């Protein structure tokens, strides 16, 4: 193992310990590698079509994620986390953006 790799690992461990002790806040957003898109959609009460339309996805994406044929990547997972946390606020923000663009 190189010194650089060791230093990165040590820094990460020290940060994790400080976070666990409550001495510092996490520096990065933790986005889990897997999300239950169907559960998130069901929580909104929307059909696949309406969920896709409301949040800017395609129906094909929603179906593929829910059926496990693919999974959301990168920032899309963070976006889905926001939808899961407070879908009404996300809808309100997106609705405002749509109105501004139409004007």
N, C-alpha and C. Protein backbone atom coordinates (compact mmCIF):
# COMPACT_ATOMS: atom_id res chain seq x y z
N UNK A 1 0.85 -1.17 0.00
CA UNK A 1 0.00 0.00 0.00
C UNK A 1 0.90 1.24 0.00
N UNK A 2 0.54 2.20 -0.83
CA UNK A 2 1.33 3.42 -0.89
C UNK A 2 1.00 4.32 0.30
N UNK A 3 1.92 5.22 0.59
CA UNK A 3 1.69 6.17 1.68
C UNK A 3 0.47 7.03 1.40
N UNK A 4 0.31 7.40 0.13
CA UNK A 4 -0.84 8.25 -0.24
C UNK A 4 -2.16 7.52 0.04
N UNK A 5 -2.23 6.25 -0.35
CA UNK A 5 -3.44 5.47 -0.11
C UNK A 5 -3.69 5.32 1.39
N UNK A 6 -2.63 5.03 2.14
CA UNK A 6 -2.76 4.91 3.59
C UNK A 6 -3.27 6.21 4.20
N UNK A 7 -2.71 7.34 3.76
CA UNK A 7 -3.13 8.64 4.29
C UNK A 7 -4.60 8.92 4.01
N UNK A 8 -5.08 8.55 2.83
CA UNK A 8 -6.50 8.75 2.49
C UNK A 8 -7.39 7.89 3.38
N UNK A 9 -6.99 6.65 3.58
CA UNK A 9 -7.77 5.75 4.44
C UNK A 9 -7.78 6.27 5.88
N UNK A 10 -6.62 6.69 6.37
CA UNK A 10 -6.52 7.20 7.74
C UNK A 10 -7.37 8.45 7.91
N UNK A 11 -7.35 9.33 6.93
CA UNK A 11 -8.16 10.55 7.00
C UNK A 11 -9.64 10.19 7.05
N UNK A 12 -10.07 9.25 6.22
CA UNK A 12 -11.46 8.82 6.22
C UNK A 12 -11.88 8.20 7.53
N UNK A 13 -11.02 7.38 8.10
CA UNK A 13 -11.34 6.76 9.40
C UNK A 13 -11.42 7.79 10.51
N UNK A 14 -10.50 8.74 10.51
CA UNK A 14 -10.54 9.79 11.52
C UNK A 14 -11.80 10.63 11.39
N UNK A 15 -12.20 10.91 10.16
CA UNK A 15 -13.43 11.68 9.93
C UNK A 15 -14.65 10.88 10.43
N UNK A 16 -14.68 9.58 10.12
CA UNK A 16 -15.79 8.73 10.56
C UNK A 16 -15.89 8.69 12.08
N UNK A 17 -14.76 8.60 12.74
CA UNK A 17 -14.76 8.57 14.21
C UNK A 17 -15.28 9.90 14.77
N UNK A 18 -14.83 11.01 14.20
CA UNK A 18 -15.28 12.33 14.66
C UNK A 18 -16.78 12.50 14.44
N UNK A 19 -17.29 12.01 13.32
CA UNK A 19 -18.73 12.10 13.04
C UNK A 19 -19.50 11.24 14.03
N UNK A 20 -19.02 10.02 14.28
CA UNK A 20 -19.68 9.11 15.21
C UNK A 20 -19.72 9.68 16.63
N UNK A 21 -18.69 10.40 17.00
CA UNK A 21 -18.62 11.02 18.33
C UNK A 21 -19.42 12.32 18.41
N UNK A 22 -19.91 12.79 17.27
CA UNK A 22 -20.66 14.04 17.24
C UNK A 22 -19.78 15.27 17.28
N UNK A 23 -18.50 15.11 17.02
CA UNK A 23 -17.55 16.22 17.07
C UNK A 23 -17.56 17.05 15.79
N UNK A 24 -18.07 16.46 14.71
CA UNK A 24 -18.11 17.16 13.43
C UNK A 24 -19.27 16.64 12.60
N UNK A 25 -19.71 17.44 11.66
CA UNK A 25 -20.79 17.03 10.75
C UNK A 25 -20.16 16.35 9.53
N UNK A 26 -20.90 15.44 8.93
CA UNK A 26 -20.36 14.80 7.72
C UNK A 26 -20.04 15.84 6.65
N UNK A 27 -18.93 15.66 5.98
CA UNK A 27 -18.50 16.61 4.96
C UNK A 27 -19.19 16.37 3.62
N UNK A 28 -19.68 15.16 3.43
CA UNK A 28 -20.29 14.81 2.16
C UNK A 28 -21.66 14.20 2.38
N UNK A 29 -22.50 14.36 1.40
CA UNK A 29 -23.81 13.73 1.42
C UNK A 29 -23.63 12.24 1.13
N UNK A 30 -24.21 11.42 1.96
CA UNK A 30 -24.16 9.98 1.70
C UNK A 30 -25.36 9.61 0.84
N UNK A 31 -25.08 9.12 -0.34
CA UNK A 31 -26.13 8.67 -1.24
C UNK A 31 -25.99 7.15 -1.35
N UNK A 32 -26.98 6.41 -0.87
CA UNK A 32 -26.84 4.95 -0.90
C UNK A 32 -26.79 4.43 -2.34
N UNK A 33 -26.09 3.34 -2.55
CA UNK A 33 -25.98 2.80 -3.90
C UNK A 33 -27.29 2.22 -4.44
N UNK A 34 -28.19 1.85 -3.55
CA UNK A 34 -29.47 1.27 -3.98
C UNK A 34 -30.61 2.04 -3.33
N UNK A 35 -31.64 2.29 -4.13
CA UNK A 35 -32.85 2.93 -3.63
C UNK A 35 -34.05 2.11 -4.09
N UNK A 36 -35.08 2.08 -3.28
CA UNK A 36 -36.32 1.39 -3.65
C UNK A 36 -37.22 2.41 -4.33
N UNK A 37 -37.07 2.54 -5.64
CA UNK A 37 -37.80 3.56 -6.40
C UNK A 37 -39.30 3.33 -6.31
N UNK A 38 -39.71 2.07 -6.33
CA UNK A 38 -41.14 1.78 -6.24
C UNK A 38 -41.72 2.27 -4.92
N UNK A 39 -41.00 2.06 -3.82
CA UNK A 39 -41.46 2.53 -2.51
C UNK A 39 -41.53 4.06 -2.47
N UNK A 40 -40.54 4.70 -3.08
CA UNK A 40 -40.55 6.18 -3.13
C UNK A 40 -41.76 6.66 -3.92
N UNK A 41 -42.00 6.03 -5.07
CA UNK A 41 -43.14 6.43 -5.91
C UNK A 41 -44.45 6.17 -5.17
N UNK A 42 -44.58 5.00 -4.56
CA UNK A 42 -45.81 4.66 -3.83
C UNK A 42 -46.08 5.67 -2.72
N UNK A 43 -45.02 6.13 -2.07
CA UNK A 43 -45.16 7.12 -1.00
C UNK A 43 -45.80 8.41 -1.50
N UNK A 44 -45.55 8.73 -2.77
CA UNK A 44 -46.14 9.94 -3.36
C UNK A 44 -47.60 9.73 -3.75
N UNK A 45 -48.00 8.46 -3.89
CA UNK A 45 -49.36 8.15 -4.31
C UNK A 45 -49.58 8.31 -5.81
N UNK A 46 -48.50 8.42 -6.57
CA UNK A 46 -48.60 8.64 -8.01
C UNK A 46 -48.40 7.36 -8.80
N UNK A 47 -49.04 7.28 -9.95
CA UNK A 47 -48.80 6.18 -10.88
C UNK A 47 -47.41 6.36 -11.48
N UNK A 48 -46.93 5.33 -12.16
CA UNK A 48 -45.63 5.45 -12.82
C UNK A 48 -45.62 6.61 -13.80
N UNK A 49 -46.69 6.75 -14.56
CA UNK A 49 -46.77 7.82 -15.55
C UNK A 49 -46.76 9.19 -14.91
N UNK A 50 -47.56 9.37 -13.87
CA UNK A 50 -47.63 10.67 -13.21
C UNK A 50 -46.35 11.00 -12.44
N UNK A 51 -45.73 9.99 -11.85
CA UNK A 51 -44.47 10.20 -11.16
C UNK A 51 -43.41 10.67 -12.15
N UNK A 52 -43.35 9.96 -13.28
CA UNK A 52 -42.37 10.33 -14.32
C UNK A 52 -42.60 11.75 -14.78
N UNK A 53 -43.84 12.10 -15.09
CA UNK A 53 -44.17 13.44 -15.57
C UNK A 53 -43.87 14.50 -14.51
N UNK A 54 -44.26 14.23 -13.28
CA UNK A 54 -44.11 15.22 -12.20
C UNK A 54 -42.65 15.55 -11.90
N UNK A 55 -41.77 14.55 -12.03
CA UNK A 55 -40.40 14.76 -11.60
C UNK A 55 -39.36 14.72 -12.72
N UNK A 56 -39.83 14.69 -13.97
CA UNK A 56 -38.92 14.81 -15.10
C UNK A 56 -38.22 13.55 -15.54
N UNK A 57 -38.82 12.40 -15.25
CA UNK A 57 -38.27 11.14 -15.70
C UNK A 57 -39.08 10.64 -16.89
N UNK A 58 -38.61 9.57 -17.51
CA UNK A 58 -39.44 8.90 -18.50
C UNK A 58 -40.10 7.71 -17.82
N UNK A 59 -41.24 7.30 -18.35
CA UNK A 59 -41.93 6.13 -17.80
C UNK A 59 -41.03 4.90 -17.93
N UNK A 60 -40.28 4.85 -19.02
CA UNK A 60 -39.38 3.70 -19.23
C UNK A 60 -38.32 3.63 -18.13
N UNK A 61 -37.80 4.79 -17.70
CA UNK A 61 -36.81 4.80 -16.60
C UNK A 61 -37.44 4.25 -15.33
N UNK A 62 -38.63 4.74 -15.00
CA UNK A 62 -39.30 4.30 -13.76
C UNK A 62 -39.53 2.80 -13.81
N UNK A 63 -40.02 2.30 -14.91
CA UNK A 63 -40.28 0.86 -15.03
C UNK A 63 -39.00 0.04 -14.91
N UNK A 64 -37.95 0.49 -15.56
CA UNK A 64 -36.67 -0.24 -15.50
C UNK A 64 -36.13 -0.26 -14.07
N UNK A 65 -36.21 0.87 -13.38
CA UNK A 65 -35.72 0.92 -11.99
C UNK A 65 -36.56 0.02 -11.09
N UNK A 66 -37.88 0.10 -11.23
CA UNK A 66 -38.75 -0.68 -10.36
C UNK A 66 -38.65 -2.17 -10.62
N UNK A 67 -38.37 -2.56 -11.86
CA UNK A 67 -38.25 -3.97 -12.20
C UNK A 67 -36.83 -4.49 -12.02
N UNK A 68 -35.91 -3.63 -11.60
CA UNK A 68 -34.53 -4.05 -11.34
C UNK A 68 -33.70 -4.27 -12.59
N UNK A 69 -34.18 -3.79 -13.76
CA UNK A 69 -33.40 -3.94 -14.99
C UNK A 69 -32.27 -2.92 -15.06
N UNK A 70 -32.42 -1.83 -14.35
CA UNK A 70 -31.36 -0.83 -14.23
C UNK A 70 -31.57 -0.12 -12.90
N UNK A 71 -30.67 0.80 -12.59
CA UNK A 71 -30.80 1.53 -11.33
C UNK A 71 -30.41 2.98 -11.58
N UNK A 72 -30.99 3.87 -10.80
CA UNK A 72 -30.62 5.29 -10.95
C UNK A 72 -29.17 5.50 -10.54
N UNK A 73 -28.49 6.36 -11.27
CA UNK A 73 -27.07 6.60 -11.02
C UNK A 73 -26.82 8.02 -10.55
N UNK A 74 -25.70 8.22 -9.88
CA UNK A 74 -25.19 9.54 -9.52
C UNK A 74 -26.21 10.46 -8.86
N UNK A 75 -26.31 11.65 -9.43
CA UNK A 75 -27.16 12.68 -8.87
C UNK A 75 -28.64 12.34 -8.90
N UNK A 76 -29.03 11.42 -9.76
CA UNK A 76 -30.43 11.00 -9.82
C UNK A 76 -30.83 10.33 -8.51
N UNK A 77 -29.90 9.58 -7.91
CA UNK A 77 -30.20 8.96 -6.61
C UNK A 77 -30.42 10.03 -5.55
N UNK A 78 -29.59 11.08 -5.57
CA UNK A 78 -29.76 12.17 -4.60
C UNK A 78 -31.10 12.87 -4.84
N UNK A 79 -31.46 13.08 -6.10
CA UNK A 79 -32.75 13.68 -6.44
C UNK A 79 -33.90 12.81 -5.93
N UNK A 80 -33.81 11.50 -6.11
CA UNK A 80 -34.84 10.60 -5.60
C UNK A 80 -34.91 10.64 -4.07
N UNK A 81 -33.78 10.83 -3.43
CA UNK A 81 -33.79 10.97 -1.97
C UNK A 81 -34.57 12.21 -1.55
N UNK A 82 -34.41 13.30 -2.28
CA UNK A 82 -35.17 14.52 -2.00
C UNK A 82 -36.66 14.29 -2.21
N UNK A 83 -37.00 13.61 -3.28
CA UNK A 83 -38.40 13.30 -3.54
C UNK A 83 -38.96 12.46 -2.41
N UNK A 84 -38.19 11.48 -1.95
CA UNK A 84 -38.61 10.62 -0.85
C UNK A 84 -38.80 11.42 0.44
N UNK A 85 -37.91 12.36 0.67
CA UNK A 85 -37.96 13.16 1.89
C UNK A 85 -39.14 14.12 1.92
N UNK A 86 -39.40 14.81 0.78
CA UNK A 86 -40.46 15.82 0.77
C UNK A 86 -40.93 16.06 -0.67
N UNK A 87 -41.68 15.11 -1.18
CA UNK A 87 -42.09 15.20 -2.59
C UNK A 87 -42.97 16.40 -2.87
N UNK A 88 -43.74 16.84 -1.90
CA UNK A 88 -44.60 18.02 -2.12
C UNK A 88 -43.75 19.27 -2.38
N UNK A 89 -42.68 19.45 -1.64
CA UNK A 89 -41.81 20.61 -1.85
C UNK A 89 -41.12 20.54 -3.20
N UNK A 90 -40.67 19.35 -3.59
CA UNK A 90 -40.02 19.19 -4.89
C UNK A 90 -41.02 19.52 -5.99
N UNK A 91 -42.25 19.02 -5.87
CA UNK A 91 -43.28 19.32 -6.87
C UNK A 91 -43.56 20.82 -6.94
N UNK A 92 -43.62 21.47 -5.79
CA UNK A 92 -43.87 22.91 -5.74
C UNK A 92 -42.74 23.68 -6.43
N UNK A 93 -41.51 23.31 -6.15
CA UNK A 93 -40.36 23.98 -6.77
C UNK A 93 -40.37 23.77 -8.28
N UNK A 94 -40.60 22.54 -8.70
CA UNK A 94 -40.62 22.25 -10.14
C UNK A 94 -41.80 22.94 -10.82
N UNK A 95 -42.94 23.00 -10.14
CA UNK A 95 -44.09 23.69 -10.70
C UNK A 95 -43.82 25.17 -10.90
N UNK A 96 -43.12 25.78 -9.95
CA UNK A 96 -42.74 27.19 -10.07
C UNK A 96 -41.78 27.40 -11.22
N UNK A 97 -40.85 26.47 -11.40
CA UNK A 97 -39.89 26.58 -12.50
C UNK A 97 -40.58 26.46 -13.84
N UNK A 98 -41.58 25.59 -13.92
CA UNK A 98 -42.33 25.40 -15.18
C UNK A 98 -43.10 26.67 -15.53
N UNK A 99 -43.69 27.29 -14.52
CA UNK A 99 -44.46 28.52 -14.75
C UNK A 99 -43.55 29.65 -15.21
N UNK A 100 -42.37 29.77 -14.58
CA UNK A 100 -41.42 30.81 -14.98
C UNK A 100 -40.95 30.62 -16.41
N UNK A 101 -40.71 29.37 -16.79
CA UNK A 101 -40.23 29.09 -18.14
C UNK A 101 -41.30 29.39 -19.18
N UNK A 102 -42.56 29.15 -18.83
CA UNK A 102 -43.67 29.38 -19.76
C UNK A 102 -43.94 30.87 -19.96
N UNK A 103 -43.57 31.68 -18.98
CA UNK A 103 -43.87 33.12 -19.05
C UNK A 103 -42.97 33.87 -20.00
